[in-house]
């Protein structure tokens, strides 16, 4: 008789195992559009940023050299950080990624601030957040209801 686990427990077990087994690929469960809009983006605490003038936000991303490249990076005096400049809309969205706003709220605020219709704001914000997430500049979490 095969062992069957409920889906939540199975996902937790796979996530735990994937930390120690790098060949084990864990894909998060599919989420519908409404579920995705309830996620809360939060900035990576390792990054720093500054707003020099209105509309100009500069992110400072630390670079970590591991293994044999660490010695080579030290000898070659490789940079220890990378700077990324965000445009006006990107800086506005970045400021809202504090972990308290949902993606839905960020879309609404961006659309209102920059006079975009709902569809334009949703597409541009979600694409931008997806790009930030792929570069590990932000992470998403879902607020869990306490029971």
Protein backbone atom coordinates (compact mmCIF):
# COMPACT_ATOMS: atom_id res chain seq x y z
CA UNK A 1 0.00 0.00 0.00
CA UNK A 2 1.64 3.28 -1.09
CA UNK A 3 2.14 6.05 1.41
CA UNK A 4 -0.02 9.03 0.54
CA UNK A 5 0.43 12.44 2.13
CA UNK A 6 -1.82 15.42 1.99
CA UNK A 7 -0.57 18.02 -0.55
CA UNK A 8 0.66 20.56 2.03
CA UNK A 9 2.70 18.01 3.95
CA UNK A 10 4.07 16.56 0.70
CA UNK A 11 5.21 20.02 -0.46
CA UNK A 12 6.91 20.70 2.89
CA UNK A 13 8.72 17.36 2.73
CA UNK A 14 9.89 17.98 -0.84
CA UNK A 15 11.06 21.50 -0.01
CA UNK A 16 13.02 20.20 2.99
CA UNK A 17 14.57 17.39 0.93
CA UNK A 18 15.52 19.76 -1.92
CA UNK A 19 17.83 21.66 0.45
CA UNK A 20 20.02 18.57 0.79
CA UNK A 21 19.46 16.97 -2.61
CA UNK A 22 20.36 19.52 -5.30
CA UNK A 23 19.16 17.29 -8.14
CA UNK A 24 15.63 17.28 -6.71
CA UNK A 25 13.70 20.01 -8.51
CA UNK A 26 10.73 21.35 -6.59
CA UNK A 27 8.26 23.47 -8.48
CA UNK A 28 5.73 25.44 -6.51
CA UNK A 29 2.10 24.52 -7.05
CA UNK A 30 0.30 26.36 -9.82
CA UNK A 31 -1.51 29.47 -8.66
CA UNK A 32 -4.39 31.24 -10.31
CA UNK A 33 -4.36 34.97 -11.09
CA UNK A 34 -6.38 35.98 -8.02
CA UNK A 35 -4.11 33.96 -5.75
CA UNK A 36 -1.02 35.58 -7.27
CA UNK A 37 -2.38 39.08 -6.72
CA UNK A 38 -2.67 38.38 -2.97
CA UNK A 39 1.08 37.71 -2.61
CA UNK A 40 3.17 40.30 -0.80
CA UNK A 41 6.56 41.22 -2.30
CA UNK A 42 9.35 41.97 0.18
CA UNK A 43 12.81 43.37 -0.62
CA UNK A 44 15.95 41.29 -0.07
CA UNK A 45 17.54 42.52 3.16
CA UNK A 46 21.05 42.12 1.69
CA UNK A 47 20.39 44.94 -0.80
CA UNK A 48 20.67 48.63 -0.07
CA UNK A 49 19.14 51.46 -2.05
CA UNK A 50 19.08 55.20 -2.19
CA UNK A 51 16.89 57.75 -3.91
CA UNK A 52 19.13 60.56 -5.13
CA UNK A 53 16.53 62.69 -6.88
CA UNK A 54 12.85 62.19 -7.60
CA UNK A 55 12.54 59.34 -10.05
CA UNK A 56 16.08 57.96 -9.58
CA UNK A 57 16.53 54.92 -7.34
CA UNK A 58 19.90 53.16 -7.18
CA UNK A 59 20.13 49.60 -5.83
CA UNK A 60 23.42 48.27 -4.49
CA UNK A 61 23.72 44.51 -4.89
CA UNK A 62 26.59 42.79 -3.04
CA UNK A 63 28.56 40.30 -5.12
CA UNK A 64 29.80 37.17 -3.40
CA UNK A 65 32.72 35.29 -4.86
CA UNK A 66 32.79 31.63 -3.83
CA UNK A 67 35.32 28.85 -4.11
CA UNK A 68 38.38 29.26 -6.32
CA UNK A 69 37.03 32.47 -7.85
CA UNK A 70 37.37 34.17 -4.46
CA UNK A 71 41.17 34.15 -4.71
CA UNK A 72 41.09 35.22 -8.35
CA UNK A 73 38.65 38.02 -7.55
CA UNK A 74 40.92 39.27 -4.77
CA UNK A 75 44.00 39.22 -7.02
CA UNK A 76 42.18 40.87 -9.93
CA UNK A 77 40.45 43.34 -7.59
CA UNK A 78 37.01 42.42 -8.86
CA UNK A 79 34.14 44.63 -7.71
CA UNK A 80 32.37 43.60 -4.52
CA UNK A 81 29.07 45.15 -5.48
CA UNK A 82 26.95 45.96 -8.50
CA UNK A 83 24.75 49.03 -8.88
CA UNK A 84 21.40 48.94 -10.64
CA UNK A 85 19.50 52.09 -11.52
CA UNK A 86 15.70 51.96 -11.58
CA UNK A 87 13.56 54.37 -13.56
CA UNK A 88 10.79 56.44 -12.01
CA UNK A 89 8.09 53.76 -12.16
CA UNK A 90 10.53 51.04 -11.04
CA UNK A 91 11.58 53.14 -8.05
CA UNK A 92 7.94 53.74 -7.13
CA UNK A 93 7.18 50.01 -7.24
CA UNK A 94 10.42 49.22 -5.34
CA UNK A 95 9.35 51.51 -2.49
CA UNK A 96 6.02 49.66 -2.26
CA UNK A 97 7.73 46.25 -1.97
CA UNK A 98 7.92 46.44 1.81
CA UNK A 99 6.03 43.26 2.64
CA UNK A 100 2.83 45.02 3.68
CA UNK A 101 1.38 45.76 0.23
CA UNK A 102 -0.12 43.03 -1.92
CA UNK A 103 0.56 42.92 -5.64
CA UNK A 104 -3.05 44.02 -6.14
CA UNK A 105 -2.45 47.15 -4.03
CA UNK A 106 0.80 47.93 -5.87
CA UNK A 107 -1.01 47.63 -9.22
CA UNK A 108 -3.76 49.98 -8.06
CA UNK A 109 -1.34 52.57 -6.64
CA UNK A 110 0.87 52.46 -9.73
CA UNK A 111 -2.08 52.84 -12.07
CA UNK A 112 -3.39 55.79 -10.09
CA UNK A 113 0.01 57.50 -9.78
CA UNK A 114 1.01 57.16 -13.45
CA UNK A 115 -2.47 57.38 -15.02
CA UNK A 116 -2.46 53.87 -16.49
CA UNK A 117 -5.50 51.73 -17.05
CA UNK A 118 -5.86 48.60 -14.95
CA UNK A 119 -4.55 46.21 -17.60
CA UNK A 120 -1.42 48.27 -18.39
CA UNK A 121 -0.57 48.68 -14.72
CA UNK A 122 -1.08 44.99 -13.94
CA UNK A 123 1.05 43.78 -16.85
CA UNK A 124 3.92 46.20 -16.24
CA UNK A 125 3.99 45.71 -12.45
CA UNK A 126 3.80 41.91 -12.59
CA UNK A 127 6.51 41.69 -15.26
CA UNK A 128 8.76 44.01 -13.25
CA UNK A 129 8.18 42.07 -10.02
CA UNK A 130 8.85 38.80 -11.83
CA UNK A 131 12.17 40.17 -13.11
CA UNK A 132 13.15 41.37 -9.61
CA UNK A 133 12.25 37.97 -8.20
CA UNK A 134 14.32 36.10 -10.80
CA UNK A 135 17.35 38.21 -9.82
CA UNK A 136 16.64 37.54 -6.09
CA UNK A 137 16.07 41.22 -5.34
CA UNK A 138 12.65 40.47 -3.84
CA UNK A 139 10.76 37.50 -2.50
CA UNK A 140 7.05 36.78 -2.23
CA UNK A 141 5.11 35.53 0.72
CA UNK A 142 1.51 34.83 1.39
CA UNK A 143 -0.10 36.09 4.57
CA UNK A 144 -1.40 33.09 6.46
CA UNK A 145 -4.65 33.41 8.37
CA UNK A 146 -4.29 32.38 12.00
CA UNK A 147 -6.88 29.86 13.11
